[in-house]
């Protein structure tokens, strides 16, 4: 089973829902900050995670994004970065 890096970002309106989403992501994520998280998942795992997160949000007020990171594509950043992720090309920008 092939796994690839994926970024999950969300904008949740209710604090209780935001905490619930965060708890779900704690089981899956490698690293993250606030509403953006980094995972390494197979397609099946990504589908399962998307279903779990999708059931917790209110589509009328909340937004959810799962985006695959193409490993051979250049990444563009601004600011001071610190590498502490599994993939050294992924940076935390401060």
N, C-alpha and C. Protein backbone atom coordinates (compact mmCIF):
# COMPACT_ATOMS: atom_id res chain seq x y z
N UNK A 1 0.85 -1.17 0.00
CA UNK A 1 0.00 0.00 0.00
C UNK A 1 0.89 1.24 0.00
N UNK A 2 0.76 2.04 -1.03
CA UNK A 2 1.56 3.25 -1.18
C UNK A 2 0.94 4.39 -0.37
N UNK A 3 1.79 5.11 0.34
CA UNK A 3 1.35 6.27 1.12
C UNK A 3 2.04 7.52 0.59
N UNK A 4 1.32 8.63 0.63
CA UNK A 4 1.83 9.90 0.14
C UNK A 4 1.47 11.01 1.11
N UNK A 5 2.25 12.10 1.09
CA UNK A 5 1.93 13.23 1.96
C UNK A 5 0.64 13.92 1.54
N UNK A 6 -0.10 14.35 2.54
CA UNK A 6 -1.36 15.05 2.30
C UNK A 6 -1.47 16.18 3.33
N UNK A 7 -2.05 17.28 2.92
CA UNK A 7 -2.30 18.41 3.81
C UNK A 7 -3.80 18.52 4.03
N UNK A 8 -4.20 18.67 5.28
CA UNK A 8 -5.60 18.86 5.63
C UNK A 8 -5.74 20.23 6.25
N UNK A 9 -6.66 21.02 5.71
CA UNK A 9 -6.92 22.36 6.24
C UNK A 9 -8.42 22.51 6.45
N UNK A 10 -8.79 23.28 7.45
CA UNK A 10 -10.21 23.47 7.71
C UNK A 10 -10.48 24.84 8.30
N UNK A 11 -11.72 25.27 8.13
CA UNK A 11 -12.23 26.51 8.73
C UNK A 11 -13.57 26.12 9.35
N UNK A 12 -13.58 26.01 10.67
CA UNK A 12 -14.75 25.51 11.40
C UNK A 12 -15.33 26.65 12.23
N UNK A 13 -16.65 26.83 12.19
CA UNK A 13 -17.27 27.96 12.87
C UNK A 13 -17.51 27.71 14.36
N UNK A 14 -17.82 26.49 14.76
CA UNK A 14 -18.16 26.20 16.16
C UNK A 14 -16.98 25.59 16.91
N UNK A 15 -16.73 26.08 18.11
CA UNK A 15 -15.61 25.59 18.91
C UNK A 15 -15.70 24.09 19.21
N UNK A 16 -16.90 23.59 19.52
CA UNK A 16 -17.07 22.17 19.83
C UNK A 16 -16.72 21.31 18.61
N UNK A 17 -17.14 21.73 17.43
CA UNK A 17 -16.83 21.00 16.20
C UNK A 17 -15.34 21.06 15.92
N UNK A 18 -14.73 22.21 16.15
CA UNK A 18 -13.28 22.37 15.94
C UNK A 18 -12.49 21.42 16.83
N UNK A 19 -12.90 21.29 18.08
CA UNK A 19 -12.24 20.35 19.00
C UNK A 19 -12.43 18.90 18.54
N UNK A 20 -13.61 18.58 18.06
CA UNK A 20 -13.90 17.23 17.58
C UNK A 20 -13.03 16.90 16.35
N UNK A 21 -12.90 17.84 15.43
CA UNK A 21 -12.05 17.65 14.24
C UNK A 21 -10.61 17.45 14.67
N UNK A 22 -10.14 18.26 15.60
CA UNK A 22 -8.77 18.16 16.08
C UNK A 22 -8.50 16.79 16.70
N UNK A 23 -9.45 16.29 17.50
CA UNK A 23 -9.29 14.97 18.12
C UNK A 23 -9.21 13.86 17.08
N UNK A 24 -10.01 13.95 16.04
CA UNK A 24 -9.95 12.97 14.95
C UNK A 24 -8.57 13.02 14.29
N UNK A 25 -8.09 14.22 14.02
CA UNK A 25 -6.80 14.37 13.33
C UNK A 25 -5.61 13.93 14.17
N UNK A 26 -5.71 14.01 15.48
CA UNK A 26 -4.60 13.57 16.34
C UNK A 26 -4.23 12.11 16.08
N UNK A 27 -5.20 11.30 15.70
CA UNK A 27 -4.94 9.89 15.42
C UNK A 27 -4.24 9.67 14.08
N UNK A 28 -4.31 10.63 13.19
CA UNK A 28 -3.82 10.45 11.82
C UNK A 28 -2.59 11.29 11.49
N UNK A 29 -2.40 12.41 12.13
CA UNK A 29 -1.44 13.40 11.66
C UNK A 29 -0.01 13.13 12.11
N UNK A 30 0.93 13.68 11.34
CA UNK A 30 2.34 13.70 11.70
C UNK A 30 2.65 14.97 12.46
N UNK A 31 2.13 16.08 11.94
CA UNK A 31 2.44 17.39 12.48
C UNK A 31 1.33 18.34 12.08
N UNK A 32 1.29 19.50 12.68
CA UNK A 32 0.29 20.48 12.30
C UNK A 32 0.34 21.68 13.21
N UNK A 33 -0.42 22.67 12.82
CA UNK A 33 -0.56 23.87 13.63
C UNK A 33 -1.92 24.49 13.32
N UNK A 34 -2.65 24.79 14.37
CA UNK A 34 -3.99 25.36 14.28
C UNK A 34 -4.87 24.55 13.34
N UNK A 35 -5.20 25.07 12.17
CA UNK A 35 -6.15 24.40 11.29
C UNK A 35 -5.52 23.80 10.03
N UNK A 36 -4.23 23.54 10.06
CA UNK A 36 -3.54 22.89 8.94
C UNK A 36 -2.70 21.75 9.49
N UNK A 37 -2.87 20.56 8.91
CA UNK A 37 -2.21 19.36 9.42
C UNK A 37 -1.57 18.57 8.29
N UNK A 38 -0.50 17.88 8.60
CA UNK A 38 0.26 17.08 7.64
C UNK A 38 0.09 15.61 8.01
N UNK A 39 -0.24 14.78 7.02
CA UNK A 39 -0.38 13.34 7.22
C UNK A 39 0.32 12.61 6.07
N UNK A 40 0.55 11.34 6.26
CA UNK A 40 1.01 10.46 5.18
C UNK A 40 0.00 9.33 5.13
N UNK A 41 -0.77 9.27 4.03
CA UNK A 41 -1.90 8.35 3.94
C UNK A 41 -1.94 7.63 2.61
N UNK A 42 -2.56 6.47 2.63
CA UNK A 42 -2.90 5.79 1.39
C UNK A 42 -4.22 6.40 0.89
N UNK A 43 -4.61 6.06 -0.31
CA UNK A 43 -5.87 6.58 -0.84
C UNK A 43 -7.04 6.10 0.02
N UNK A 44 -7.00 4.86 0.44
CA UNK A 44 -8.06 4.31 1.28
C UNK A 44 -8.13 5.03 2.62
N UNK A 45 -6.97 5.27 3.23
CA UNK A 45 -6.93 5.99 4.51
C UNK A 45 -7.44 7.41 4.35
N UNK A 46 -7.06 8.08 3.26
CA UNK A 46 -7.52 9.45 3.01
C UNK A 46 -9.04 9.49 2.85
N UNK A 47 -9.60 8.51 2.17
CA UNK A 47 -11.05 8.44 2.01
C UNK A 47 -11.73 8.25 3.36
N UNK A 48 -11.18 7.36 4.19
CA UNK A 48 -11.75 7.12 5.52
C UNK A 48 -11.68 8.38 6.38
N UNK A 49 -10.53 9.05 6.36
CA UNK A 49 -10.38 10.29 7.13
C UNK A 49 -11.36 11.35 6.65
N UNK A 50 -11.50 11.49 5.32
CA UNK A 50 -12.42 12.48 4.77
C UNK A 50 -13.85 12.20 5.21
N UNK A 51 -14.23 10.93 5.25
CA UNK A 51 -15.58 10.56 5.71
C UNK A 51 -15.75 10.93 7.18
N UNK A 52 -14.76 10.59 8.02
CA UNK A 52 -14.84 10.92 9.44
C UNK A 52 -14.97 12.42 9.66
N UNK A 53 -14.13 13.19 8.98
CA UNK A 53 -14.17 14.64 9.14
C UNK A 53 -15.45 15.22 8.56
N UNK A 54 -15.87 14.71 7.42
CA UNK A 54 -17.08 15.20 6.77
C UNK A 54 -18.34 14.99 7.60
N UNK A 55 -18.37 13.90 8.37
CA UNK A 55 -19.52 13.64 9.23
C UNK A 55 -19.56 14.58 10.44
N UNK A 56 -18.41 15.13 10.79
CA UNK A 56 -18.34 16.00 11.98
C UNK A 56 -18.63 17.46 11.67
N UNK A 57 -18.49 17.89 10.42
CA UNK A 57 -18.66 19.31 10.11
C UNK A 57 -20.07 19.63 9.63
N UNK A 58 -20.38 20.91 9.64
CA UNK A 58 -21.63 21.41 9.08
C UNK A 58 -21.28 22.04 7.74
N UNK A 59 -21.67 21.40 6.63
CA UNK A 59 -21.29 21.92 5.31
C UNK A 59 -21.82 23.32 5.00
N UNK A 60 -22.82 23.75 5.73
CA UNK A 60 -23.37 25.09 5.50
C UNK A 60 -22.47 26.19 6.05
N UNK A 61 -21.68 25.87 7.10
CA UNK A 61 -20.86 26.91 7.74
C UNK A 61 -19.37 26.58 7.78
N UNK A 62 -19.00 25.33 7.57
CA UNK A 62 -17.61 24.90 7.72
C UNK A 62 -16.99 24.53 6.37
N UNK A 63 -15.66 24.58 6.31
CA UNK A 63 -14.93 24.21 5.10
C UNK A 63 -13.84 23.21 5.45
N UNK A 64 -13.61 22.26 4.54
CA UNK A 64 -12.63 21.21 4.73
C UNK A 64 -11.90 20.97 3.42
N UNK A 65 -10.56 20.87 3.49
CA UNK A 65 -9.75 20.63 2.30
C UNK A 65 -8.74 19.54 2.60
N UNK A 66 -8.67 18.53 1.76
CA UNK A 66 -7.60 17.53 1.78
C UNK A 66 -6.88 17.67 0.45
N UNK A 67 -5.58 17.89 0.48
CA UNK A 67 -4.81 18.10 -0.75
C UNK A 67 -3.55 17.24 -0.73
N UNK A 68 -3.38 16.43 -1.76
CA UNK A 68 -2.17 15.63 -1.89
C UNK A 68 -1.00 16.54 -2.23
N UNK A 69 0.15 16.27 -1.64
CA UNK A 69 1.37 17.02 -1.94
C UNK A 69 2.17 16.19 -2.93
N UNK A 70 2.39 16.74 -4.10
CA UNK A 70 3.18 16.03 -5.12
C UNK A 70 4.65 16.10 -4.72
N UNK A 71 5.29 14.95 -4.42
CA UNK A 71 6.65 14.97 -3.86
C UNK A 71 7.72 15.56 -4.76
N UNK A 72 7.54 15.53 -6.05
CA UNK A 72 8.59 16.03 -6.94
C UNK A 72 8.34 17.45 -7.44
N UNK A 73 7.32 18.10 -6.93
CA UNK A 73 6.99 19.46 -7.35
C UNK A 73 7.68 20.45 -6.41
N UNK A 74 8.10 21.61 -6.92
CA UNK A 74 8.73 22.61 -6.05
C UNK A 74 7.70 23.21 -5.09
N UNK A 75 8.16 23.55 -3.90
CA UNK A 75 7.33 24.24 -2.91
C UNK A 75 7.81 25.68 -2.79
N UNK A 76 6.89 26.61 -2.75
CA UNK A 76 7.23 28.01 -2.62
C UNK A 76 6.78 28.49 -1.25
N UNK A 77 7.65 29.16 -0.54
CA UNK A 77 7.34 29.63 0.81
C UNK A 77 7.82 31.05 1.01
N UNK A 78 7.25 31.70 2.00
CA UNK A 78 7.69 33.02 2.44
C UNK A 78 7.87 32.96 3.95
N UNK A 79 8.79 33.72 4.48
CA UNK A 79 8.98 33.75 5.92
C UNK A 79 10.14 32.86 6.34
N UNK A 80 10.28 32.71 7.63
CA UNK A 80 11.34 31.90 8.20
C UNK A 80 10.78 30.50 8.43
N UNK A 81 11.42 29.49 7.86
CA UNK A 81 10.92 28.14 7.96
C UNK A 81 11.75 27.27 8.88
N UNK A 82 11.12 26.25 9.42
CA UNK A 82 11.79 25.30 10.29
C UNK A 82 11.35 23.91 9.84
N UNK A 83 12.30 23.05 9.56
CA UNK A 83 11.98 21.70 9.12
C UNK A 83 11.92 20.80 10.35
N UNK A 84 10.73 20.26 10.63
CA UNK A 84 10.61 19.28 11.71
C UNK A 84 9.60 18.21 11.34
N UNK A 85 9.37 18.07 10.06
CA UNK A 85 8.42 17.08 9.57
C UNK A 85 9.15 15.88 9.00
N UNK A 86 8.41 14.85 8.73
CA UNK A 86 8.97 13.64 8.12
C UNK A 86 9.55 13.96 6.74
N UNK A 87 8.88 14.81 6.00
CA UNK A 87 9.35 15.20 4.68
C UNK A 87 10.09 16.53 4.80
N UNK A 88 11.39 16.51 4.56
CA UNK A 88 12.21 17.69 4.80
C UNK A 88 11.85 18.87 3.91
N UNK A 89 11.11 18.64 2.84
CA UNK A 89 10.71 19.76 1.99
C UNK A 89 9.46 20.48 2.52
N UNK A 90 8.82 19.92 3.54
CA UNK A 90 7.67 20.58 4.14
C UNK A 90 8.16 21.44 5.29
N UNK A 91 7.79 22.69 5.30
CA UNK A 91 8.27 23.63 6.31
C UNK A 91 7.14 24.19 7.16
N UNK A 92 7.45 24.50 8.38
CA UNK A 92 6.55 25.31 9.21
C UNK A 92 6.98 26.75 9.03
N UNK A 93 6.12 27.59 8.52
CA UNK A 93 6.45 28.98 8.28
C UNK A 93 5.95 29.82 9.45
N UNK A 94 6.84 30.62 10.01
CA UNK A 94 6.49 31.46 11.15
C UNK A 94 6.53 32.92 10.75
